[in-house]
Amino acid sequence: MPTYKVIELGTVTEEAIEETLNEWSAKGWRFDSMQFAMRESSRRPSMAFVLFTREQAEKNSP
């Protein structure tokens, strides 16, 4: 059964995205997807949500 992790980035730069991907991948999370929130007045995203998953061991019921 997968467990999900969502990281919100308020600063959307190449460096911030790269740092987040490297940090959470090193902790055992697998990158799933990325969503951007846009402002109408700008072509650049104002924030990003980076989604990760990892498998959680199922507990054995007695």
PDB file of N, CA and C in Angstrom:
ATOM      1  N   MET A   1       0.845  -1.172   0.000  1.00  0.00           N
ATOM      2  CA  MET A   1       0.000   0.000   0.000  1.00  0.00           C
ATOM      3  C   MET A   1       0.895   1.242   0.000  1.00  0.00           C
ATOM      4  N   PRO A   2       0.712   2.156  -0.950  1.00  0.00           N
ATOM      5  CA  PRO A   2       1.598   3.317  -1.016  1.00  0.00           C
ATOM      6  C   PRO A   2       1.266   4.382   0.029  1.00  0.00           C
ATOM      7  N   THR A   3       2.306   5.064   0.454  1.00  0.00           N
ATOM      8  CA  THR A   3       2.190   6.224   1.325  1.00  0.00           C
ATOM      9  C   THR A   3       2.610   7.426   0.489  1.00  0.00           C
ATOM     10  N   TYR A   4       1.916   8.537   0.655  1.00  0.00           N
ATOM     11  CA  TYR A   4       2.187   9.725  -0.151  1.00  0.00           C
ATOM     12  C   TYR A   4       2.803  10.833   0.693  1.00  0.00           C
ATOM     13  N   LYS A   5       3.641  11.648   0.051  1.00  0.00           N
ATOM     14  CA  LYS A   5       4.279  12.804   0.680  1.00  0.00           C
ATOM     15  C   LYS A   5       4.126  13.974  -0.276  1.00  0.00           C
ATOM     16  N   VAL A   6       3.642  15.115   0.202  1.00  0.00           N
ATOM     17  CA  VAL A   6       3.489  16.316  -0.616  1.00  0.00           C
ATOM     18  C   VAL A   6       4.377  17.403  -0.035  1.00  0.00           C
ATOM     19  N   ILE A   7       5.222  17.972  -0.898  1.00  0.00           N
ATOM     20  CA  ILE A   7       6.095  19.065  -0.494  1.00  0.00           C
ATOM     21  C   ILE A   7       5.664  20.310  -1.251  1.00  0.00           C
ATOM     22  N   GLU A   8       5.402  21.394  -0.527  1.00  0.00           N
ATOM     23  CA  GLU A   8       5.006  22.667  -1.140  1.00  0.00           C
ATOM     24  C   GLU A   8       6.237  23.553  -1.279  1.00  0.00           C
ATOM     25  N   LEU A   9       6.472  24.029  -2.487  1.00  0.00           N
ATOM     26  CA  LEU A   9       7.578  24.954  -2.737  1.00  0.00           C
ATOM     27  C   LEU A   9       7.021  26.344  -2.987  1.00  0.00           C
ATOM     28  N   GLY A  10       7.361  27.287  -2.125  1.00  0.00           N
ATOM     29  CA  GLY A  10       6.940  28.675  -2.309  1.00  0.00           C
ATOM     30  C   GLY A  10       7.857  29.432  -3.242  1.00  0.00           C
ATOM     31  N   THR A  11       9.071  28.931  -3.404  1.00  0.00           N
ATOM     32  CA  THR A  11      10.040  29.497  -4.339  1.00  0.00           C
ATOM     33  C   THR A  11      10.272  28.451  -5.416  1.00  0.00           C
ATOM     34  N   VAL A  12       9.837  28.749  -6.636  1.00  0.00           N
ATOM     35  CA  VAL A  12       9.925  27.787  -7.732  1.00  0.00           C
ATOM     36  C   VAL A  12      11.104  28.163  -8.629  1.00  0.00           C
ATOM     37  N   THR A  13      12.240  27.570  -8.309  1.00  0.00           N
ATOM     38  CA  THR A  13      13.436  27.742  -9.124  1.00  0.00           C
ATOM     39  C   THR A  13      13.997  26.370  -9.432  1.00  0.00           C
ATOM     40  N   GLU A  14      14.869  26.314 -10.417  1.00  0.00           N
ATOM     41  CA  GLU A  14      15.517  25.051 -10.756  1.00  0.00           C
ATOM     42  C   GLU A  14      16.244  24.478  -9.548  1.00  0.00           C
ATOM     43  N   GLU A  15      16.924  25.339  -8.816  1.00  0.00           N
ATOM     44  CA  GLU A  15      17.691  24.900  -7.657  1.00  0.00           C
ATOM     45  C   GLU A  15      16.785  24.349  -6.550  1.00  0.00           C
ATOM     46  N   ALA A  16      15.667  25.027  -6.290  1.00  0.00           N
ATOM     47  CA  ALA A  16      14.750  24.588  -5.233  1.00  0.00           C
ATOM     48  C   ALA A  16      14.116  23.241  -5.580  1.00  0.00           C
ATOM     49  N   ILE A  17      13.736  23.067  -6.847  1.00  0.00           N
ATOM     50  CA  ILE A  17      13.142  21.802  -7.280  1.00  0.00           C
ATOM     51  C   ILE A  17      14.179  20.686  -7.188  1.00  0.00           C
ATOM     52  N   GLU A  18      15.383  20.951  -7.683  1.00  0.00           N
ATOM     53  CA  GLU A  18      16.450  19.950  -7.646  1.00  0.00           C
ATOM     54  C   GLU A  18      16.783  19.542  -6.218  1.00  0.00           C
ATOM     55  N   GLU A  19      16.883  20.516  -5.322  1.00  0.00           N
ATOM     56  CA  GLU A  19      17.192  20.235  -3.915  1.00  0.00           C
ATOM     57  C   GLU A  19      16.108  19.354  -3.285  1.00  0.00           C
ATOM     58  N   THR A  20      14.856  19.666  -3.561  1.00  0.00           N
ATOM     59  CA  THR A  20      13.741  18.893  -3.008  1.00  0.00           C
ATOM     60  C   THR A  20      13.748  17.460  -3.532  1.00  0.00           C
ATOM     61  N   LEU A  21      13.941  17.310  -4.850  1.00  0.00           N
ATOM     62  CA  LEU A  21      13.985  15.970  -5.439  1.00  0.00           C
ATOM     63  C   LEU A  21      15.124  15.141  -4.849  1.00  0.00           C
ATOM     64  N   ASN A  22      16.304  15.719  -4.737  1.00  0.00           N
ATOM     65  CA  ASN A  22      17.453  14.997  -4.197  1.00  0.00           C
ATOM     66  C   ASN A  22      17.275  14.658  -2.720  1.00  0.00           C
ATOM     67  N   GLU A  23      16.771  15.612  -1.944  1.00  0.00           N
ATOM     68  CA  GLU A  23      16.604  15.398  -0.499  1.00  0.00           C
ATOM     69  C   GLU A  23      15.630  14.258  -0.207  1.00  0.00           C
ATOM     70  N   TRP A  24      14.449  14.282  -0.814  1.00  0.00           N
ATOM     71  CA  TRP A  24      13.439  13.288  -0.496  1.00  0.00           C
ATOM     72  C   TRP A  24      13.707  11.948  -1.160  1.00  0.00           C
ATOM     73  N   SER A  25      14.368  11.941  -2.307  1.00  0.00           N
ATOM     74  CA  SER A  25      14.766  10.670  -2.927  1.00  0.00           C
ATOM     75  C   SER A  25      15.801   9.959  -2.058  1.00  0.00           C
ATOM     76  N   ALA A  26      16.707  10.721  -1.465  1.00  0.00           N
ATOM     77  CA  ALA A  26      17.717  10.139  -0.577  1.00  0.00           C
ATOM     78  C   ALA A  26      17.082   9.548   0.683  1.00  0.00           C
ATOM     79  N   LYS A  27      15.902  10.035   1.051  1.00  0.00           N
ATOM     80  CA  LYS A  27      15.198   9.521   2.227  1.00  0.00           C
ATOM     81  C   LYS A  27      14.319   8.313   1.889  1.00  0.00           C
ATOM     82  N   GLY A  28      14.393   7.841   0.645  1.00  0.00           N
ATOM     83  CA  GLY A  28      13.643   6.642   0.271  1.00  0.00           C
ATOM     84  C   GLY A  28      12.321   6.896  -0.426  1.00  0.00           C
ATOM     85  N   TRP A  29      12.002   8.155  -0.720  1.00  0.00           N
ATOM     86  CA  TRP A  29      10.762   8.481  -1.405  1.00  0.00           C
ATOM     87  C   TRP A  29      10.992   8.473  -2.910  1.00  0.00           C
ATOM     88  N   ARG A  30       9.986   8.058  -3.674  1.00  0.00           N
ATOM     89  CA  ARG A  30      10.053   8.008  -5.134  1.00  0.00           C
ATOM     90  C   ARG A  30       9.211   9.140  -5.715  1.00  0.00           C
ATOM     91  N   PHE A  31       9.821   9.921  -6.616  1.00  0.00           N
ATOM     92  CA  PHE A  31       9.104  11.024  -7.248  1.00  0.00           C
ATOM     93  C   PHE A  31       7.895  10.497  -8.004  1.00  0.00           C
ATOM     94  N   ASP A  32       6.744  11.154  -7.806  1.00  0.00           N
ATOM     95  CA  ASP A  32       5.510  10.749  -8.478  1.00  0.00           C
ATOM     96  C   ASP A  32       5.082  11.785  -9.508  1.00  0.00           C
ATOM     97  N   SER A  33       4.959  13.053  -9.096  1.00  0.00           N
ATOM     98  CA  SER A  33       4.530  14.094 -10.026  1.00  0.00           C
ATOM     99  C   SER A  33       4.778  15.469  -9.425  1.00  0.00           C
ATOM    100  N   MET A  34       4.552  16.490 -10.260  1.00  0.00           N
ATOM    101  CA  MET A  34       4.725  17.873  -9.818  1.00  0.00           C
ATOM    102  C   MET A  34       3.598  18.711 -10.419  1.00  0.00           C
ATOM    103  N   GLN A  35       2.993  19.549  -9.591  1.00  0.00           N
ATOM    104  CA  GLN A  35       1.922  20.440 -10.036  1.00  0.00           C
ATOM    105  C   GLN A  35       2.335  21.880  -9.761  1.00  0.00           C
ATOM    106  N   PHE A  36       2.018  22.760 -10.694  1.00  0.00           N
ATOM    107  CA  PHE A  36       2.371  24.170 -10.549  1.00  0.00           C
ATOM    108  C   PHE A  36       1.126  25.019 -10.380  1.00  0.00           C
ATOM    109  N   ALA A  37       1.227  26.034  -9.523  1.00  0.00           N
ATOM    110  CA  ALA A  37       0.176  27.033  -9.352  1.00  0.00           C
ATOM    111  C   ALA A  37       0.657  28.300 -10.037  1.00  0.00           C
ATOM    112  N   MET A  38      -0.166  28.794 -10.969  1.00  0.00           N
ATOM    113  CA  MET A  38       0.228  29.949 -11.783  1.00  0.00           C
ATOM    114  C   MET A  38      -0.514  31.201 -11.335  1.00  0.00           C
ATOM    115  N   ARG A  39       0.119  32.339 -11.568  1.00  0.00           N
ATOM    116  CA  ARG A  39      -0.529  33.637 -11.398  1.00  0.00           C
ATOM    117  C   ARG A  39      -0.901  34.155 -12.777  1.00  0.00           C
ATOM    118  N   GLU A  40      -2.023  34.819 -12.863  1.00  0.00           N
ATOM    119  CA  GLU A  40      -2.447  35.348 -14.159  1.00  0.00           C
ATOM    120  C   GLU A  40      -1.502  36.426 -14.673  1.00  0.00           C
ATOM    121  N   SER A  41      -0.866  37.143 -13.768  1.00  0.00           N
ATOM    122  CA  SER A  41      -0.020  38.265 -14.164  1.00  0.00           C
ATOM    123  C   SER A  41       1.413  37.861 -14.492  1.00  0.00           C
ATOM    124  N   SER A  42       1.740  36.580 -14.421  1.00  0.00           N
ATOM    125  CA  SER A  42       3.116  36.138 -14.631  1.00  0.00           C
ATOM    126  C   SER A  42       3.145  34.821 -15.403  1.00  0.00           C
ATOM    127  N   ARG A  43       4.206  34.632 -16.150  1.00  0.00           N
ATOM    128  CA  ARG A  43       4.391  33.363 -16.866  1.00  0.00           C
ATOM    129  C   ARG A  43       5.061  32.316 -15.990  1.00  0.00           C
ATOM    130  N   ARG A  44       5.660  32.748 -14.900  1.00  0.00           N
ATOM    131  CA  ARG A  44       6.350  31.815 -14.001  1.00  0.00           C
ATOM    132  C   ARG A  44       5.391  31.339 -12.916  1.00  0.00           C
ATOM    133  N   PRO A  45       5.538  30.088 -12.491  1.00  0.00           N
ATOM    134  CA  PRO A  45       4.670  29.580 -11.419  1.00  0.00           C
ATOM    135  C   PRO A  45       4.964  30.274 -10.090  1.00  0.00           C
ATOM    136  N   SER A  46       3.922  30.473  -9.317  1.00  0.00           N
ATOM    137  CA  SER A  46       4.089  31.122  -8.010  1.00  0.00           C
ATOM    138  C   SER A  46       4.407  30.100  -6.923  1.00  0.00           C
ATOM    139  N   MET A  47       4.014  28.844  -7.145  1.00  0.00           N
ATOM    140  CA  MET A  47       4.360  27.776  -6.214  1.00  0.00           C
ATOM    141  C   MET A  47       4.259  26.439  -6.931  1.00  0.00           C
ATOM    142  N   ALA A  48       4.854  25.424  -6.305  1.00  0.00           N
ATOM    143  CA  ALA A  48       4.811  24.076  -6.869  1.00  0.00           C
ATOM    144  C   ALA A  48       4.544  23.075  -5.747  1.00  0.00           C
ATOM    145  N   PHE A  49       3.907  21.986  -6.120  1.00  0.00           N
ATOM    146  CA  PHE A  49       3.662  20.891  -5.201  1.00  0.00           C
ATOM    147  C   PHE A  49       4.343  19.661  -5.789  1.00  0.00           C
ATOM    148  N   VAL A  50       5.293  19.103  -5.046  1.00  0.00           N
ATOM    149  CA  VAL A  50       6.048  17.941  -5.495  1.00  0.00           C
ATOM    150  C   VAL A  50       5.522  16.733  -4.723  1.00  0.00           C
ATOM    151  N   LEU A  51       5.074  15.721  -5.457  1.00  0.00           N
ATOM    152  CA  LEU A  51       4.480  14.540  -4.842  1.00  0.00           C
ATOM    153  C   LEU A  51       5.427  13.358  -4.931  1.00  0.00           C
ATOM    154  N   PHE A  52       5.548  12.652  -3.807  1.00  0.00           N
ATOM    155  CA  PHE A  52       6.392  11.475  -3.697  1.00  0.00           C
ATOM    156  C   PHE A  52       5.555  10.320  -3.159  1.00  0.00           C
ATOM    157  N   THR A  53       5.999   9.095  -3.422  1.00  0.00           N
ATOM    158  CA  THR A  53       5.364   7.907  -2.845  1.00  0.00           C
ATOM    159  C   THR A  53       6.444   6.961  -2.349  1.00  0.00           C
ATOM    160  N   ARG A  54       6.040   6.060  -1.490  1.00  0.00           N
ATOM    161  CA  ARG A  54       6.883   4.924  -1.120  1.00  0.00           C
ATOM    162  C   ARG A  54       5.966   3.837  -0.598  1.00  0.00           C
ATOM    163  N   GLU A  55       6.439   2.630  -0.732  1.00  0.00           N
ATOM    164  CA  GLU A  55       5.636   1.493  -0.289  1.00  0.00           C
ATOM    165  C   GLU A  55       5.761   1.339   1.223  1.00  0.00           C
ATOM    166  N   GLN A  56       4.648   1.137   1.851  1.00  0.00           N
ATOM    167  CA  GLN A  56       4.622   0.909   3.289  1.00  0.00           C
ATOM    168  C   GLN A  56       4.367  -0.571   3.517  1.00  0.00           C
ATOM    169  N   ALA A  57       5.151  -1.148   4.368  1.00  0.00           N
ATOM    170  CA  ALA A  57       4.963  -2.572   4.686  1.00  0.00           C
ATOM    171  C   ALA A  57       3.616  -2.764   5.359  1.00  0.00           C
ATOM    172  N   GLU A  58       2.879  -3.741   4.879  1.00  0.00           N
ATOM    173  CA  GLU A  58       1.562  -4.015   5.482  1.00  0.00           C
ATOM    174  C   GLU A  58       1.752  -4.739   6.804  1.00  0.00           C
ATOM    175  N   LYS A  59       0.930  -4.354   7.762  1.00  0.00           N
ATOM    176  CA  LYS A  59       0.990  -4.986   9.079  1.00  0.00           C
ATOM    177  C   LYS A  59       0.222  -6.299   9.019  1.00  0.00           C
ATOM    178  N   ASN A  60       0.793  -7.322   9.593  1.00  0.00           N
ATOM    179  CA  ASN A  60       0.116  -8.623   9.643  1.00  0.00           C
ATOM    180  C   ASN A  60      -0.895  -8.611  10.786  1.00  0.00           C
ATOM    181  N   SER A  61      -2.133  -8.935  10.445  1.00  0.00           N
ATOM    182  CA  SER A  61      -3.159  -9.002  11.465  1.00  0.00           C
ATOM    183  C   SER A  61      -3.175 -10.385  12.099  1.00  0.00           C
ATOM    184  N   PRO A  62      -3.411 -10.478  13.426  1.00  0.00           N
ATOM    185  CA  PRO A  62      -3.439 -11.800  14.093  1.00  0.00           C
ATOM    186  C   PRO A  62      -4.632 -12.616  13.676  1.00  0.00           C
TER     187      PRO A  62
END
